[in-house]
N, C-alpha and C. Protein backbone atom coordinates (compact mmCIF):
# COMPACT_ATOMS: atom_id res chain seq x y z
N MET A 1 33.22 126.02 3.63
CA MET A 1 32.12 126.27 4.55
C MET A 1 31.46 127.48 4.14
N GLU A 2 30.15 127.71 4.61
CA GLU A 2 29.36 128.72 4.23
C GLU A 2 29.85 130.07 4.72
N ARG A 3 29.64 131.11 4.07
CA ARG A 3 29.94 132.46 4.48
C ARG A 3 28.78 133.36 4.48
N ARG A 4 27.68 132.84 4.18
CA ARG A 4 26.45 133.66 4.26
C ARG A 4 25.98 133.77 5.72
N VAL A 5 25.50 135.00 6.07
CA VAL A 5 25.24 135.31 7.46
C VAL A 5 24.24 134.34 8.10
N TYR A 6 23.28 133.83 7.39
CA TYR A 6 22.32 132.97 8.04
C TYR A 6 22.96 131.68 8.49
N PHE A 7 23.77 131.14 7.69
CA PHE A 7 24.52 129.85 8.05
C PHE A 7 25.57 130.03 9.00
N VAL A 8 26.27 131.13 8.96
CA VAL A 8 27.34 131.33 9.98
C VAL A 8 26.67 131.49 11.41
N LEU A 9 25.66 132.31 11.42
CA LEU A 9 24.89 132.51 12.74
C LEU A 9 24.31 131.11 13.13
N GLY A 10 23.81 130.34 12.14
CA GLY A 10 23.23 129.01 12.54
C GLY A 10 24.38 128.10 13.05
N ASP A 11 25.50 128.16 12.52
CA ASP A 11 26.65 127.41 13.12
C ASP A 11 27.01 127.83 14.39
N LEU A 12 27.07 129.09 14.64
CA LEU A 12 27.39 129.62 16.01
C LEU A 12 26.35 129.15 17.02
N LEU A 13 25.12 129.40 16.63
CA LEU A 13 23.96 128.91 17.53
C LEU A 13 24.06 127.34 17.87
N CYS A 14 24.29 126.61 16.84
CA CYS A 14 24.17 125.16 16.94
C CYS A 14 25.35 124.67 17.84
N ASN A 15 26.49 125.21 17.50
CA ASN A 15 27.67 124.75 18.28
C ASN A 15 27.61 125.29 19.73
N ALA A 16 27.20 126.35 19.96
CA ALA A 16 27.06 126.91 21.41
C ALA A 16 25.99 126.08 22.02
N ALA A 17 24.94 125.69 21.42
CA ALA A 17 23.90 124.92 22.04
C ALA A 17 24.32 123.53 22.30
N ALA A 18 25.04 122.91 21.42
CA ALA A 18 25.64 121.55 21.66
C ALA A 18 26.52 121.47 22.91
N GLY A 19 27.38 122.50 22.92
CA GLY A 19 28.42 122.68 24.01
C GLY A 19 27.68 122.90 25.30
N ALA A 20 26.58 123.78 25.26
CA ALA A 20 25.95 124.12 26.56
C ALA A 20 25.12 122.82 27.05
N VAL A 21 24.37 122.16 26.12
CA VAL A 21 23.64 121.07 26.50
C VAL A 21 24.52 119.92 27.11
N ALA A 22 25.70 119.72 26.38
CA ALA A 22 26.61 118.69 26.84
C ALA A 22 27.09 119.09 28.24
N GLY A 23 27.50 120.31 28.35
CA GLY A 23 27.96 120.80 29.76
C GLY A 23 26.99 120.62 30.83
N VAL A 24 25.80 120.95 30.64
CA VAL A 24 24.69 120.82 31.62
C VAL A 24 24.46 119.38 32.02
N VAL A 25 24.36 118.61 31.03
CA VAL A 25 24.14 117.12 31.24
C VAL A 25 25.26 116.47 32.07
N VAL A 26 26.44 116.74 31.66
CA VAL A 26 27.57 116.22 32.31
C VAL A 26 27.64 116.73 33.81
N ALA A 27 27.49 118.02 33.96
CA ALA A 27 27.53 118.61 35.22
C ALA A 27 26.48 118.00 36.23
N LEU A 28 25.28 117.68 35.74
CA LEU A 28 24.29 117.06 36.54
C LEU A 28 24.57 115.64 36.85
N VAL A 29 25.31 114.96 35.91
CA VAL A 29 25.55 113.54 36.13
C VAL A 29 26.83 113.26 36.75
N ALA A 30 27.86 113.88 36.39
CA ALA A 30 29.23 113.34 36.86
C ALA A 30 29.82 114.12 38.05
N GLY A 31 29.05 114.75 38.77
CA GLY A 31 29.52 115.44 40.02
C GLY A 31 30.18 114.56 41.05
N GLY A 32 31.36 114.69 41.28
CA GLY A 32 32.07 113.97 42.34
C GLY A 32 32.72 112.67 41.72
N TRP A 33 32.66 112.44 40.49
CA TRP A 33 33.29 111.24 39.92
C TRP A 33 34.85 111.49 39.83
N PRO A 34 35.58 110.46 39.71
CA PRO A 34 37.02 110.70 39.39
C PRO A 34 37.28 111.44 38.08
N PRO A 35 38.35 112.18 38.02
CA PRO A 35 38.49 113.03 36.77
C PRO A 35 38.54 112.28 35.55
N ALA A 36 39.29 111.12 35.43
CA ALA A 36 39.30 110.43 34.20
C ALA A 36 38.01 109.89 33.81
N LEU A 37 37.19 109.32 34.72
CA LEU A 37 35.94 108.80 34.48
C LEU A 37 34.90 109.95 34.17
N GLY A 38 35.01 111.04 34.68
CA GLY A 38 34.19 112.14 34.43
C GLY A 38 34.42 112.64 32.98
N MET A 39 35.73 112.61 32.58
CA MET A 39 36.07 113.10 31.13
C MET A 39 35.58 112.10 30.25
N VAL A 40 35.69 110.83 30.48
CA VAL A 40 35.21 109.81 29.47
C VAL A 40 33.68 109.96 29.36
N ALA A 41 33.03 109.91 30.64
CA ALA A 41 31.66 110.10 30.55
C ALA A 41 31.13 111.36 29.82
N GLY A 42 31.89 112.48 30.05
CA GLY A 42 31.58 113.69 29.37
C GLY A 42 31.75 113.68 27.89
N MET A 43 32.74 112.89 27.40
CA MET A 43 32.85 112.80 25.90
C MET A 43 31.75 112.05 25.32
N ALA A 44 31.27 110.96 26.05
CA ALA A 44 30.21 110.11 25.56
C ALA A 44 28.86 110.93 25.58
N ALA A 45 28.69 111.56 26.77
CA ALA A 45 27.32 112.30 26.90
C ALA A 45 27.32 113.52 25.91
N GLY A 46 28.49 114.10 25.65
CA GLY A 46 28.42 115.25 24.69
C GLY A 46 28.22 114.76 23.30
N GLY A 47 28.78 113.50 22.95
CA GLY A 47 28.61 113.01 21.56
C GLY A 47 27.15 112.65 21.51
N VAL A 48 26.49 112.05 22.52
CA VAL A 48 25.04 111.76 22.39
C VAL A 48 24.27 113.03 22.28
N ALA A 49 24.50 114.06 23.13
CA ALA A 49 23.71 115.17 23.03
C ALA A 49 23.83 115.89 21.62
N ALA A 50 25.03 115.98 21.08
CA ALA A 50 25.16 116.56 19.81
C ALA A 50 24.53 115.68 18.74
N MET A 51 24.55 114.36 18.82
CA MET A 51 23.83 113.50 17.94
C MET A 51 22.41 113.69 17.91
N LEU A 52 21.88 114.03 19.03
CA LEU A 52 20.39 114.29 19.11
C LEU A 52 20.04 115.69 18.52
N LEU A 53 20.83 116.63 18.74
CA LEU A 53 20.64 117.98 18.29
C LEU A 53 20.99 118.22 16.75
N ALA A 54 21.88 117.41 16.34
CA ALA A 54 22.38 117.65 14.83
C ALA A 54 21.28 117.37 13.80
N PRO A 55 20.46 116.45 13.91
CA PRO A 55 19.42 116.29 12.81
C PRO A 55 18.50 117.49 12.68
N VAL A 56 18.11 117.98 13.77
CA VAL A 56 17.29 119.21 13.82
C VAL A 56 17.94 120.43 13.15
N ALA A 57 19.14 120.57 13.66
CA ALA A 57 20.02 121.71 13.07
C ALA A 57 20.39 121.45 11.61
N GLY A 58 20.53 120.20 11.21
CA GLY A 58 20.77 119.87 9.83
C GLY A 58 19.68 120.20 8.90
N LEU A 59 18.45 120.22 9.32
CA LEU A 59 17.39 120.54 8.56
C LEU A 59 17.41 122.07 8.23
N LEU A 60 17.86 122.78 9.10
CA LEU A 60 17.91 124.21 8.91
C LEU A 60 19.18 124.78 8.26
N PHE A 61 20.23 124.10 8.50
CA PHE A 61 21.63 124.73 8.15
C PHE A 61 22.38 123.74 7.33
N GLY A 62 21.95 122.55 6.96
CA GLY A 62 22.71 121.67 6.15
C GLY A 62 23.37 120.62 7.01
N VAL A 63 23.24 119.33 6.74
CA VAL A 63 23.78 118.24 7.55
C VAL A 63 25.36 118.29 7.66
N LEU A 64 25.92 118.34 6.43
CA LEU A 64 27.28 118.15 6.37
C LEU A 64 28.07 119.37 7.04
N GLU A 65 27.43 120.59 7.01
CA GLU A 65 28.12 121.79 7.58
C GLU A 65 27.99 121.69 9.09
N VAL A 66 27.00 121.14 9.61
CA VAL A 66 26.66 121.23 10.99
C VAL A 66 27.21 120.07 11.87
N MET A 67 27.21 118.89 11.27
CA MET A 67 27.46 117.70 12.10
C MET A 67 28.89 117.62 12.71
N LEU A 68 29.96 117.82 11.85
CA LEU A 68 31.20 117.72 12.44
C LEU A 68 31.55 118.64 13.48
N PRO A 69 31.34 120.01 13.35
CA PRO A 69 31.65 120.87 14.38
C PRO A 69 30.74 120.62 15.64
N MET A 70 29.46 120.28 15.44
CA MET A 70 28.64 120.02 16.72
C MET A 70 29.17 118.80 17.44
N MET A 71 29.56 117.76 16.76
CA MET A 71 30.00 116.55 17.45
C MET A 71 31.24 116.89 18.19
N VAL A 72 32.21 117.59 17.54
CA VAL A 72 33.44 118.00 18.30
C VAL A 72 33.14 118.88 19.42
N SER A 73 32.19 119.84 19.24
CA SER A 73 31.91 120.75 20.22
C SER A 73 31.22 120.03 21.50
N GLY A 74 30.30 119.15 21.26
CA GLY A 74 29.66 118.42 22.29
C GLY A 74 30.66 117.53 23.10
N MET A 75 31.59 116.87 22.36
CA MET A 75 32.53 116.04 23.06
C MET A 75 33.51 116.83 23.86
N ALA A 76 34.09 117.90 23.26
CA ALA A 76 35.09 118.73 23.94
C ALA A 76 34.41 119.51 25.16
N ALA A 77 33.19 119.95 25.01
CA ALA A 77 32.45 120.65 26.20
C ALA A 77 32.10 119.61 27.28
N GLY A 78 31.77 118.40 26.86
CA GLY A 78 31.44 117.32 27.81
C GLY A 78 32.72 116.88 28.51
N MET A 79 33.79 116.81 27.94
CA MET A 79 35.07 116.53 28.51
C MET A 79 35.48 117.57 29.56
N LEU A 80 35.38 118.83 29.21
CA LEU A 80 35.69 119.95 30.10
C LEU A 80 34.80 119.88 31.35
N ALA A 81 33.51 119.68 31.08
CA ALA A 81 32.53 119.73 32.11
C ALA A 81 32.83 118.52 33.12
N GLY A 82 33.06 117.39 32.48
CA GLY A 82 33.29 116.16 33.22
C GLY A 82 34.53 116.41 34.14
N MET A 83 35.62 116.94 33.64
CA MET A 83 36.74 117.28 34.49
C MET A 83 36.50 118.39 35.55
N SER A 84 35.76 119.28 35.18
CA SER A 84 35.29 120.38 36.13
C SER A 84 34.47 119.82 37.21
N ALA A 85 33.49 119.06 36.81
CA ALA A 85 32.47 118.58 37.79
C ALA A 85 33.18 117.66 38.80
N SER A 86 34.22 116.96 38.45
CA SER A 86 34.85 115.99 39.30
C SER A 86 35.70 116.62 40.29
N SER A 87 36.05 117.82 40.08
CA SER A 87 36.85 118.58 41.10
C SER A 87 35.99 119.30 42.09
N GLY A 88 34.70 119.26 42.00
CA GLY A 88 33.73 119.89 42.94
C GLY A 88 32.44 119.99 42.33
N THR A 89 31.60 120.85 42.91
CA THR A 89 30.31 121.01 42.35
C THR A 89 30.37 122.09 41.23
N LEU A 90 29.84 121.67 40.15
CA LEU A 90 29.70 122.63 38.95
C LEU A 90 28.28 122.86 38.69
N GLN A 91 27.89 124.22 38.83
CA GLN A 91 26.59 124.66 38.69
C GLN A 91 26.20 124.53 37.19
N ALA A 92 24.95 124.20 36.90
CA ALA A 92 24.42 124.06 35.50
C ALA A 92 24.62 125.25 34.68
N GLY A 93 24.46 126.43 35.27
CA GLY A 93 24.66 127.66 34.43
C GLY A 93 26.10 127.88 34.07
N ALA A 94 27.02 127.53 35.02
CA ALA A 94 28.42 127.75 34.70
C ALA A 94 28.82 126.70 33.61
N ALA A 95 28.30 125.43 33.71
CA ALA A 95 28.60 124.46 32.82
C ALA A 95 28.02 124.85 31.38
N ALA A 96 26.87 125.36 31.36
CA ALA A 96 26.30 125.78 30.11
C ALA A 96 27.14 126.92 29.46
N ALA A 97 27.59 127.87 30.28
CA ALA A 97 28.37 129.01 29.72
C ALA A 97 29.72 128.44 29.22
N ARG A 98 30.38 127.60 29.89
CA ARG A 98 31.66 127.04 29.50
C ARG A 98 31.42 126.23 28.30
N GLY A 99 30.36 125.38 28.26
CA GLY A 99 30.12 124.59 27.02
C GLY A 99 29.87 125.47 25.80
N ALA A 100 29.14 126.47 25.98
CA ALA A 100 28.88 127.37 24.80
C ALA A 100 30.21 128.02 24.34
N VAL A 101 31.08 128.40 25.24
CA VAL A 101 32.32 129.11 24.87
C VAL A 101 33.21 127.98 24.06
N VAL A 102 33.26 126.76 24.65
CA VAL A 102 33.97 125.69 24.00
C VAL A 102 33.41 125.47 22.52
N GLY A 103 32.07 125.45 22.42
CA GLY A 103 31.39 125.27 21.15
C GLY A 103 31.88 126.33 20.12
N VAL A 104 31.90 127.62 20.48
CA VAL A 104 32.19 128.66 19.59
C VAL A 104 33.74 128.50 19.35
N LEU A 105 34.52 128.14 20.27
CA LEU A 105 35.96 127.97 19.97
C LEU A 105 36.27 126.84 19.06
N VAL A 106 35.50 125.73 19.12
CA VAL A 106 35.67 124.59 18.22
C VAL A 106 35.19 125.00 16.86
N LEU A 107 34.13 125.80 16.70
CA LEU A 107 33.70 126.27 15.35
C LEU A 107 34.72 127.18 14.75
N ALA A 108 35.31 128.04 15.58
CA ALA A 108 36.27 128.94 14.97
C ALA A 108 37.57 128.16 14.56
N ALA A 109 37.94 127.09 15.25
CA ALA A 109 39.07 126.25 14.79
C ALA A 109 38.64 125.46 13.61
N THR A 110 37.39 125.02 13.48
CA THR A 110 36.94 124.31 12.33
C THR A 110 37.03 125.27 11.08
N TYR A 111 36.51 126.40 11.21
CA TYR A 111 36.65 127.43 10.07
C TYR A 111 38.11 127.67 9.70
N LEU A 112 38.94 127.87 10.61
CA LEU A 112 40.32 128.12 10.35
C LEU A 112 41.03 126.92 9.64
N MET A 113 40.73 125.66 10.10
CA MET A 113 41.41 124.58 9.49
C MET A 113 40.91 124.35 8.12
N ASN A 114 39.53 124.62 7.87
CA ASN A 114 39.04 124.48 6.55
C ASN A 114 39.58 125.52 5.58
N ALA A 115 39.77 126.69 5.98
CA ALA A 115 40.41 127.67 5.28
C ALA A 115 41.87 127.27 4.84
N TYR A 116 42.59 126.72 5.77
CA TYR A 116 43.96 126.37 5.64
C TYR A 116 44.07 125.26 4.64
N PHE A 117 43.16 124.24 4.76
CA PHE A 117 43.24 123.09 3.98
C PHE A 117 42.74 123.47 2.49
N GLN A 118 41.88 124.29 2.34
CA GLN A 118 41.41 124.74 1.07
C GLN A 118 42.48 125.55 0.19
N ARG A 119 43.19 126.34 1.07
CA ARG A 119 44.27 127.06 0.48
C ARG A 119 45.38 126.15 0.06
N ARG A 120 45.74 125.15 0.89
CA ARG A 120 46.79 124.26 0.62
C ARG A 120 46.45 123.10 -0.39
N GLY A 121 45.18 122.83 -0.47
CA GLY A 121 44.68 121.84 -1.38
C GLY A 121 45.11 121.94 -2.85
N SER A 122 45.14 123.18 -3.27
CA SER A 122 45.49 123.42 -4.68
C SER A 122 46.93 122.97 -4.93
N LYS A 123 47.79 123.07 -3.83
CA LYS A 123 49.17 122.81 -4.01
C LYS A 123 49.31 121.25 -3.99
N TRP A 124 48.48 120.58 -3.15
CA TRP A 124 48.61 119.14 -2.95
C TRP A 124 47.95 118.35 -4.11
N THR A 125 46.95 118.91 -4.82
CA THR A 125 46.24 118.12 -5.81
C THR A 125 46.56 118.58 -7.19
N TYR A 126 47.26 119.62 -7.44
CA TYR A 126 47.64 120.17 -8.69
C TYR A 126 46.44 120.62 -9.41
């Protein structure tokens, strides 16, 4: 993964935006739904939101670098927002903040897993 500041900040921005958009969409739609249905709807809505945002982000930061973390961020944030919205009213601002945090956490996990696999890859492939 890229280590240049422009791309790292772009990844942070894109993942936070994907999570925030997914959280807001799901909070507005899935309020009062059963938890399991809210989570499934959140995953689908988060995937669609990230799929719509990823081509624009891909033009600026590279499609392969942005697509995977954004899709996971959108789906994870959507599932969290769906579960939270089902338990009561979830405000759009709170959903956006939670989604952005989830997006940044997913990006951090992606960077850590990539570093781990690259380090171990030399042992696996000789």
